[in-house]
Amino acid sequence: MHREVNRSLTGKIGRVTGTIAPGTIGEVMLPFHGGTSAFFAYPFDKTSTFPVGERVLVIYFEPPQTVYVDELPDVLREF
């Protein structure tokens, strides 16, 4: 049986609150269920580093509290 993929956070923009880097568990704050919640975060490409304060894009959500993120594309940086 296939595991159902939860896409509820895919495409959301978050702010890094704990450095995200290879080999570490980072943290990102994301809008979630009408509020803001902290999620464990890892670089989607397994090589990037994102410092505290940087905005990132959620590529994949792994319930219950883990996301994989990537660099925010230029077209979304102005919002």
PDB file of N, CA and C in Angstrom:
ATOM      1  N   MET A   1       0.837  -1.181   0.000  1.00  0.00           N
ATOM      2  CA  MET A   1       0.000   0.000   0.000  1.00  0.00           C
ATOM      3  C   MET A   1       0.884   1.247   0.000  1.00  0.00           C
ATOM      4  N   HIS A   2       0.525   2.239  -0.788  1.00  0.00           N
ATOM      5  CA  HIS A   2       1.307   3.468  -0.880  1.00  0.00           C
ATOM      6  C   HIS A   2       0.986   4.400   0.262  1.00  0.00           C
ATOM      7  N   ARG A   3       2.019   5.022   0.780  1.00  0.00           N
ATOM      8  CA  ARG A   3       1.852   6.006   1.836  1.00  0.00           C
ATOM      9  C   ARG A   3       1.346   7.302   1.215  1.00  0.00           C
ATOM     10  N   GLU A   4       0.310   7.869   1.786  1.00  0.00           N
ATOM     11  CA  GLU A   4      -0.251   9.103   1.255  1.00  0.00           C
ATOM     12  C   GLU A   4       0.678  10.273   1.578  1.00  0.00           C
ATOM     13  N   VAL A   5       0.993  11.089   0.580  1.00  0.00           N
ATOM     14  CA  VAL A   5       1.879  12.223   0.757  1.00  0.00           C
ATOM     15  C   VAL A   5       1.076  13.428   1.237  1.00  0.00           C
ATOM     16  N   ASN A   6       1.552  14.065   2.291  1.00  0.00           N
ATOM     17  CA  ASN A   6       0.910  15.250   2.835  1.00  0.00           C
ATOM     18  C   ASN A   6       1.589  16.475   2.227  1.00  0.00           C
ATOM     19  N   ARG A   7       0.855  17.252   1.452  1.00  0.00           N
ATOM     20  CA  ARG A   7       1.419  18.416   0.778  1.00  0.00           C
ATOM     21  C   ARG A   7       0.955  19.733   1.402  1.00  0.00           C
ATOM     22  N   SER A   8       0.435  19.685   2.619  1.00  0.00           N
ATOM     23  CA  SER A   8      -0.150  20.875   3.237  1.00  0.00           C
ATOM     24  C   SER A   8       0.847  22.012   3.435  1.00  0.00           C
ATOM     25  N   LEU A   9       2.136  21.725   3.536  1.00  0.00           N
ATOM     26  CA  LEU A   9       3.132  22.784   3.733  1.00  0.00           C
ATOM     27  C   LEU A   9       3.994  23.037   2.503  1.00  0.00           C
ATOM     28  N   THR A  10       3.873  22.194   1.495  1.00  0.00           N
ATOM     29  CA  THR A  10       4.660  22.371   0.279  1.00  0.00           C
ATOM     30  C   THR A  10       4.349  23.725  -0.352  1.00  0.00           C
ATOM     31  N   GLY A  11       5.399  24.493  -0.639  1.00  0.00           N
ATOM     32  CA  GLY A  11       5.222  25.802  -1.250  1.00  0.00           C
ATOM     33  C   GLY A  11       5.104  26.946  -0.256  1.00  0.00           C
ATOM     34  N   LYS A  12       5.060  26.635   1.029  1.00  0.00           N
ATOM     35  CA  LYS A  12       4.991  27.687   2.054  1.00  0.00           C
ATOM     36  C   LYS A  12       6.363  28.333   2.220  1.00  0.00           C
ATOM     37  N   ILE A  13       6.354  29.600   2.610  1.00  0.00           N
ATOM     38  CA  ILE A  13       7.585  30.332   2.870  1.00  0.00           C
ATOM     39  C   ILE A  13       7.750  30.452   4.379  1.00  0.00           C
ATOM     40  N   GLY A  14       8.942  30.109   4.855  1.00  0.00           N
ATOM     41  CA  GLY A  14       9.222  30.183   6.279  1.00  0.00           C
ATOM     42  C   GLY A  14      10.473  30.985   6.567  1.00  0.00           C
ATOM     43  N   ARG A  15      10.674  31.270   7.849  1.00  0.00           N
ATOM     44  CA  ARG A  15      11.866  31.993   8.288  1.00  0.00           C
ATOM     45  C   ARG A  15      12.706  31.068   9.168  1.00  0.00           C
ATOM     46  N   VAL A  16      14.005  31.002   8.857  1.00  0.00           N
ATOM     47  CA  VAL A  16      14.928  30.137   9.583  1.00  0.00           C
ATOM     48  C   VAL A  16      15.162  30.695  10.984  1.00  0.00           C
ATOM     49  N   THR A  17      14.975  29.846  12.010  1.00  0.00           N
ATOM     50  CA  THR A  17      15.218  30.247  13.395  1.00  0.00           C
ATOM     51  C   THR A  17      16.351  29.434  14.029  1.00  0.00           C
ATOM     52  N   GLY A  18      16.821  28.440  13.331  1.00  0.00           N
ATOM     53  CA  GLY A  18      17.977  27.640  13.747  1.00  0.00           C
ATOM     54  C   GLY A  18      18.694  27.209  12.492  1.00  0.00           C
ATOM     55  N   THR A  19      19.972  27.525  12.371  1.00  0.00           N
ATOM     56  CA  THR A  19      20.722  27.293  11.131  1.00  0.00           C
ATOM     57  C   THR A  19      20.435  25.916  10.535  1.00  0.00           C
ATOM     58  N   ILE A  20      20.137  25.919   9.231  1.00  0.00           N
ATOM     59  CA  ILE A  20      19.872  24.688   8.486  1.00  0.00           C
ATOM     60  C   ILE A  20      21.125  24.390   7.664  1.00  0.00           C
ATOM     61  N   ALA A  21      21.697  23.208   7.878  1.00  0.00           N
ATOM     62  CA  ALA A  21      22.927  22.833   7.181  1.00  0.00           C
ATOM     63  C   ALA A  21      23.028  21.312   7.135  1.00  0.00           C
ATOM     64  N   PRO A  22      23.872  20.796   6.229  1.00  0.00           N
ATOM     65  CA  PRO A  22      24.066  19.345   6.164  1.00  0.00           C
ATOM     66  C   PRO A  22      24.578  18.816   7.506  1.00  0.00           C
ATOM     67  N   GLY A  23      24.027  17.705   7.952  1.00  0.00           N
ATOM     68  CA  GLY A  23      24.490  17.078   9.179  1.00  0.00           C
ATOM     69  C   GLY A  23      23.964  17.700  10.461  1.00  0.00           C
ATOM     70  N   THR A  24      23.067  18.688  10.340  1.00  0.00           N
ATOM     71  CA  THR A  24      22.488  19.315  11.525  1.00  0.00           C
ATOM     72  C   THR A  24      20.969  19.313  11.406  1.00  0.00           C
ATOM     73  N   ILE A  25      20.318  19.517  12.540  1.00  0.00           N
ATOM     74  CA  ILE A  25      18.864  19.677  12.532  1.00  0.00           C
ATOM     75  C   ILE A  25      18.599  21.165  12.691  1.00  0.00           C
ATOM     76  N   GLY A  26      18.082  21.787  11.643  1.00  0.00           N
ATOM     77  CA  GLY A  26      17.746  23.201  11.694  1.00  0.00           C
ATOM     78  C   GLY A  26      16.310  23.388  12.142  1.00  0.00           C
ATOM     79  N   GLU A  27      15.897  24.654  12.187  1.00  0.00           N
ATOM     80  CA  GLU A  27      14.520  24.952  12.576  1.00  0.00           C
ATOM     81  C   GLU A  27      13.995  26.091  11.723  1.00  0.00           C
ATOM     82  N   VAL A  28      12.714  25.989  11.374  1.00  0.00           N
ATOM     83  CA  VAL A  28      12.063  27.023  10.583  1.00  0.00           C
ATOM     84  C   VAL A  28      10.663  27.263  11.150  1.00  0.00           C
ATOM     85  N   MET A  29      10.240  28.522  11.154  1.00  0.00           N
ATOM     86  CA  MET A  29       8.894  28.887  11.585  1.00  0.00           C
ATOM     87  C   MET A  29       8.031  29.019  10.341  1.00  0.00           C
ATOM     88  N   LEU A  30       6.850  28.375  10.376  1.00  0.00           N
ATOM     89  CA  LEU A  30       5.953  28.363   9.224  1.00  0.00           C
ATOM     90  C   LEU A  30       4.524  28.662   9.643  1.00  0.00           C
ATOM     91  N   PRO A  31       3.765  29.313   8.733  1.00  0.00           N
ATOM     92  CA  PRO A  31       2.334  29.474   9.001  1.00  0.00           C
ATOM     93  C   PRO A  31       1.686  28.096   8.964  1.00  0.00           C
ATOM     94  N   PHE A  32       0.889  27.775  10.003  1.00  0.00           N
ATOM     95  CA  PHE A  32       0.330  26.431  10.104  1.00  0.00           C
ATOM     96  C   PHE A  32      -0.940  26.463  10.936  1.00  0.00           C
ATOM     97  N   HIS A  33      -2.036  25.998  10.354  1.00  0.00           N
ATOM     98  CA  HIS A  33      -3.337  25.913  11.037  1.00  0.00           C
ATOM     99  C   HIS A  33      -3.749  27.223  11.700  1.00  0.00           C
ATOM    100  N   GLY A  34      -3.596  28.331  11.001  1.00  0.00           N
ATOM    101  CA  GLY A  34      -4.043  29.622  11.514  1.00  0.00           C
ATOM    102  C   GLY A  34      -3.076  30.302  12.452  1.00  0.00           C
ATOM    103  N   GLY A  35      -1.917  29.727  12.668  1.00  0.00           N
ATOM    104  CA  GLY A  35      -0.904  30.322  13.546  1.00  0.00           C
ATOM    105  C   GLY A  35       0.470  30.133  12.942  1.00  0.00           C
ATOM    106  N   THR A  36       1.472  30.110  13.801  1.00  0.00           N
ATOM    107  CA  THR A  36       2.848  29.874  13.370  1.00  0.00           C
ATOM    108  C   THR A  36       3.433  28.779  14.241  1.00  0.00           C
ATOM    109  N   SER A  37       4.118  27.824  13.614  1.00  0.00           N
ATOM    110  CA  SER A  37       4.707  26.708  14.352  1.00  0.00           C
ATOM    111  C   SER A  37       6.153  26.481  13.926  1.00  0.00           C
ATOM    112  N   ALA A  38       6.924  25.902  14.838  1.00  0.00           N
ATOM    113  CA  ALA A  38       8.321  25.548  14.553  1.00  0.00           C
ATOM    114  C   ALA A  38       8.375  24.128  13.989  1.00  0.00           C
ATOM    115  N   PHE A  39       9.215  23.948  12.983  1.00  0.00           N
ATOM    116  CA  PHE A  39       9.412  22.639  12.367  1.00  0.00           C
ATOM    117  C   PHE A  39      10.906  22.352  12.273  1.00  0.00           C
ATOM    118  N   PHE A  40      11.279  21.079  12.457  1.00  0.00           N
ATOM    119  CA  PHE A  40      12.651  20.671  12.174  1.00  0.00           C
ATOM    120  C   PHE A  40      12.861  20.862  10.681  1.00  0.00           C
ATOM    121  N   ALA A  41      14.060  21.275  10.281  1.00  0.00           N
ATOM    122  CA  ALA A  41      14.294  21.563   8.868  1.00  0.00           C
ATOM    123  C   ALA A  41      15.653  21.045   8.397  1.00  0.00           C
ATOM    124  N   TYR A  42      15.652  20.538   7.184  1.00  0.00           N
ATOM    125  CA  TYR A  42      16.855  20.038   6.532  1.00  0.00           C
ATOM    126  C   TYR A  42      16.935  20.624   5.129  1.00  0.00           C
ATOM    127  N   PRO A  43      18.157  20.794   4.586  1.00  0.00           N
ATOM    128  CA  PRO A  43      18.263  21.259   3.198  1.00  0.00           C
ATOM    129  C   PRO A  43      17.796  20.167   2.244  1.00  0.00           C
ATOM    130  N   PHE A  44      16.925  20.522   1.309  1.00  0.00           N
ATOM    131  CA  PHE A  44      16.385  19.553   0.359  1.00  0.00           C
ATOM    132  C   PHE A  44      17.482  18.913  -0.483  1.00  0.00           C
ATOM    133  N   ASP A  45      18.479  19.722  -0.884  1.00  0.00           N
ATOM    134  CA  ASP A  45      19.551  19.203  -1.742  1.00  0.00           C
ATOM    135  C   ASP A  45      20.685  18.555  -0.944  1.00  0.00           C
ATOM    136  N   LYS A  46      20.573  18.537   0.380  1.00  0.00           N
ATOM    137  CA  LYS A  46      21.543  17.921   1.299  1.00  0.00           C
ATOM    138  C   LYS A  46      22.907  18.603   1.311  1.00  0.00           C
ATOM    139  N   THR A  47      23.046  19.774   0.641  1.00  0.00           N
ATOM    140  CA  THR A  47      24.342  20.458   0.625  1.00  0.00           C
ATOM    141  C   THR A  47      24.257  21.931   1.021  1.00  0.00           C
ATOM    142  N   SER A  48      23.100  22.538   0.918  1.00  0.00           N
ATOM    143  CA  SER A  48      22.956  23.975   1.169  1.00  0.00           C
ATOM    144  C   SER A  48      22.955  24.303   2.658  1.00  0.00           C
ATOM    145  N   THR A  49      23.304  25.562   2.956  1.00  0.00           N
ATOM    146  CA  THR A  49      23.250  26.085   4.319  1.00  0.00           C
ATOM    147  C   THR A  49      22.401  27.343   4.307  1.00  0.00           C
ATOM    148  N   PHE A  50      21.508  27.464   5.302  1.00  0.00           N
ATOM    149  CA  PHE A  50      20.631  28.631   5.413  1.00  0.00           C
ATOM    150  C   PHE A  50      20.782  29.214   6.813  1.00  0.00           C
ATOM    151  N   PRO A  51      21.247  30.464   6.910  1.00  0.00           N
ATOM    152  CA  PRO A  51      21.471  31.089   8.220  1.00  0.00           C
ATOM    153  C   PRO A  51      20.166  31.568   8.866  1.00  0.00           C
ATOM    154  N   VAL A  52      20.234  31.827  10.155  1.00  0.00           N
ATOM    155  CA  VAL A  52      19.095  32.355  10.901  1.00  0.00           C
ATOM    156  C   VAL A  52      18.636  33.662  10.264  1.00  0.00           C
ATOM    157  N   GLY A  53      17.335  33.802  10.106  1.00  0.00           N
ATOM    158  CA  GLY A  53      16.751  35.009   9.528  1.00  0.00           C
ATOM    159  C   GLY A  53      16.433  34.910   8.049  1.00  0.00           C
ATOM    160  N   GLU A  54      17.038  33.949   7.357  1.00  0.00           N
ATOM    161  CA  GLU A  54      16.793  33.799   5.920  1.00  0.00           C
ATOM    162  C   GLU A  54      15.410  33.189   5.680  1.00  0.00           C
ATOM    163  N   ARG A  55      14.768  33.626   4.604  1.00  0.00           N
ATOM    164  CA  ARG A  55      13.480  33.043   4.220  1.00  0.00           C
ATOM    165  C   ARG A  55      13.746  31.893   3.254  1.00  0.00           C
ATOM    166  N   VAL A  56      12.993  30.796   3.435  1.00  0.00           N
ATOM    167  CA  VAL A  56      13.180  29.591   2.624  1.00  0.00           C
ATOM    168  C   VAL A  56      11.836  29.071   2.139  1.00  0.00           C
ATOM    169  N   LEU A  57      11.886  28.208   1.128  1.00  0.00           N
ATOM    170  CA  LEU A  57      10.692  27.615   0.531  1.00  0.00           C
ATOM    171  C   LEU A  57      10.612  26.137   0.909  1.00  0.00           C
ATOM    172  N   VAL A  58       9.462  25.702   1.396  1.00  0.00           N
ATOM    173  CA  VAL A  58       9.274  24.286   1.748  1.00  0.00           C
ATOM    174  C   VAL A  58       9.057  23.488   0.466  1.00  0.00           C
ATOM    175  N   ILE A  59       9.883  22.465   0.282  1.00  0.00           N
ATOM    176  CA  ILE A  59       9.795  21.587  -0.877  1.00  0.00           C
ATOM    177  C   ILE A  59       9.051  20.303  -0.520  1.00  0.00           C
ATOM    178  N   TYR A  60       9.261  19.820   0.710  1.00  0.00           N
ATOM    179  CA  TYR A  60       8.655  18.557   1.118  1.00  0.00           C
ATOM    180  C   TYR A  60       8.359  18.586   2.611  1.00  0.00           C
ATOM    181  N   PHE A  61       7.204  18.083   3.003  1.00  0.00           N
ATOM    182  CA  PHE A  61       6.784  17.991   4.406  1.00  0.00           C
ATOM    183  C   PHE A  61       6.689  16.532   4.805  1.00  0.00           C
ATOM    184  N   GLU A  62       7.367  16.185   5.895  1.00  0.00           N
ATOM    185  CA  GLU A  62       7.324  14.829   6.432  1.00  0.00           C
ATOM    186  C   GLU A  62       6.695  14.898   7.823  1.00  0.00           C
ATOM    187  N   PRO A  63       5.427  14.509   7.941  1.00  0.00           N
ATOM    188  CA  PRO A  63       4.754  14.594   9.238  1.00  0.00           C
ATOM    189  C   PRO A  63       5.490  13.786  10.306  1.00  0.00           C
ATOM    190  N   PRO A  64       5.470  14.217  11.570  1.00  0.00           N
ATOM    191  CA  PRO A  64       4.598  15.282  12.035  1.00  0.00           C
ATOM    192  C   PRO A  64       5.236  16.671  12.030  1.00  0.00           C
ATOM    193  N   GLN A  65       6.568  16.819  12.124  1.00  0.00           N
ATOM    194  CA  GLN A  65       7.154  18.156  12.302  1.00  0.00           C
ATOM    195  C   GLN A  65       8.445  18.370  11.527  1.00  0.00           C
ATOM    196  N   THR A  66       8.613  17.773  10.366  1.00  0.00           N
ATOM    197  CA  THR A  66       9.858  17.907   9.617  1.00  0.00           C
ATOM    198  C   THR A  66       9.594  18.423   8.209  1.00  0.00           C
ATOM    199  N   VAL A  67      10.420  19.392   7.785  1.00  0.00           N
ATOM    200  CA  VAL A  67      10.322  19.911   6.426  1.00  0.00           C
ATOM    201  C   VAL A  67      11.698  19.906   5.774  1.00  0.00           C
ATOM    202  N   TYR A  68      11.691  19.831   4.455  1.00  0.00           N
ATOM    203  CA  TYR A  68      12.902  19.940   3.648  1.00  0.00           C
ATOM    204  C   TYR A  68      12.748  21.215   2.837  1.00  0.00           C
ATOM    205  N   VAL A  69      13.751  22.085   2.904  1.00  0.00           N
ATOM    206  CA  VAL A  69      13.624  23.425   2.329  1.00  0.00           C
ATOM    207  C   VAL A  69      14.695  23.700   1.287  1.00  0.00           C
ATOM    208  N   ASP A  70      14.423  24.737   0.495  1.00  0.00           N
ATOM    209  CA  ASP A  70      15.362  25.177  -0.526  1.00  0.00           C
ATOM    210  C   ASP A  70      15.372  26.698  -0.542  1.00  0.00           C
ATOM    211  N   GLU A  71      16.303  27.231  -1.292  1.00  0.00           N
ATOM    212  CA  GLU A  71      16.429  28.683  -1.444  1.00  0.00           C
ATOM    213  C   GLU A  71      15.137  29.270  -2.005  1.00  0.00           C
ATOM    214  N   LEU A  72      14.780  30.429  -1.515  1.00  0.00           N
ATOM    215  CA  LEU A  72      13.590  31.128  -2.002  1.00  0.00           C
ATOM    216  C   LEU A  72      13.903  31.685  -3.394  1.00  0.00           C
ATOM    217  N   PRO A  73      13.107  31.347  -4.412  1.00  0.00           N
ATOM    218  CA  PRO A  73      13.356  31.867  -5.761  1.00  0.00           C
ATOM    219  C   PRO A  73      13.242  33.392  -5.799  1.00  0.00           C
ATOM    220  N   ASP A  74      13.987  34.017  -6.697  1.00  0.00           N
ATOM    221  CA  ASP A  74      13.995  35.479  -6.810  1.00  0.00           C
ATOM    222  C   ASP A  74      12.604  36.053  -6.975  1.00  0.00           C
ATOM    223  N   VAL A  75      11.721  35.398  -7.714  1.00  0.00           N
ATOM    224  CA  VAL A  75      10.396  35.946  -7.965  1.00  0.00           C
ATOM    225  C   VAL A  75       9.564  36.048  -6.687  1.00  0.00           C
ATOM    226  N   LEU A  76       9.903  35.258  -5.666  1.00  0.00           N
ATOM    227  CA  LEU A  76       9.165  35.306  -4.401  1.00  0.00           C
ATOM    228  C   LEU A  76       9.842  36.180  -3.344  1.00  0.00           C
ATOM    229  N   ARG A  77      11.022  36.667  -3.608  1.00  0.00           N
ATOM    230  CA  ARG A  77      11.771  37.460  -2.619  1.00  0.00           C
ATOM    231  C   ARG A  77      11.150  38.822  -2.351  1.00  0.00           C
ATOM    232  N   GLU A  78      10.367  39.347  -3.271  1.00  0.00           N
ATOM    233  CA  GLU A  78       9.799  40.693  -3.108  1.00  0.00           C
ATOM    234  C   GLU A  78       8.562  40.700  -2.243  1.00  0.00           C
ATOM    235  N   PHE A  79       7.975  39.554  -1.949  1.00  0.00           N
ATOM    236  CA  PHE A  79       6.730  39.490  -1.177  1.00  0.00           C
ATOM    237  C   PHE A  79       7.005  39.408   0.293  1.00  0.00           C
TER     238      PHE A  79
END
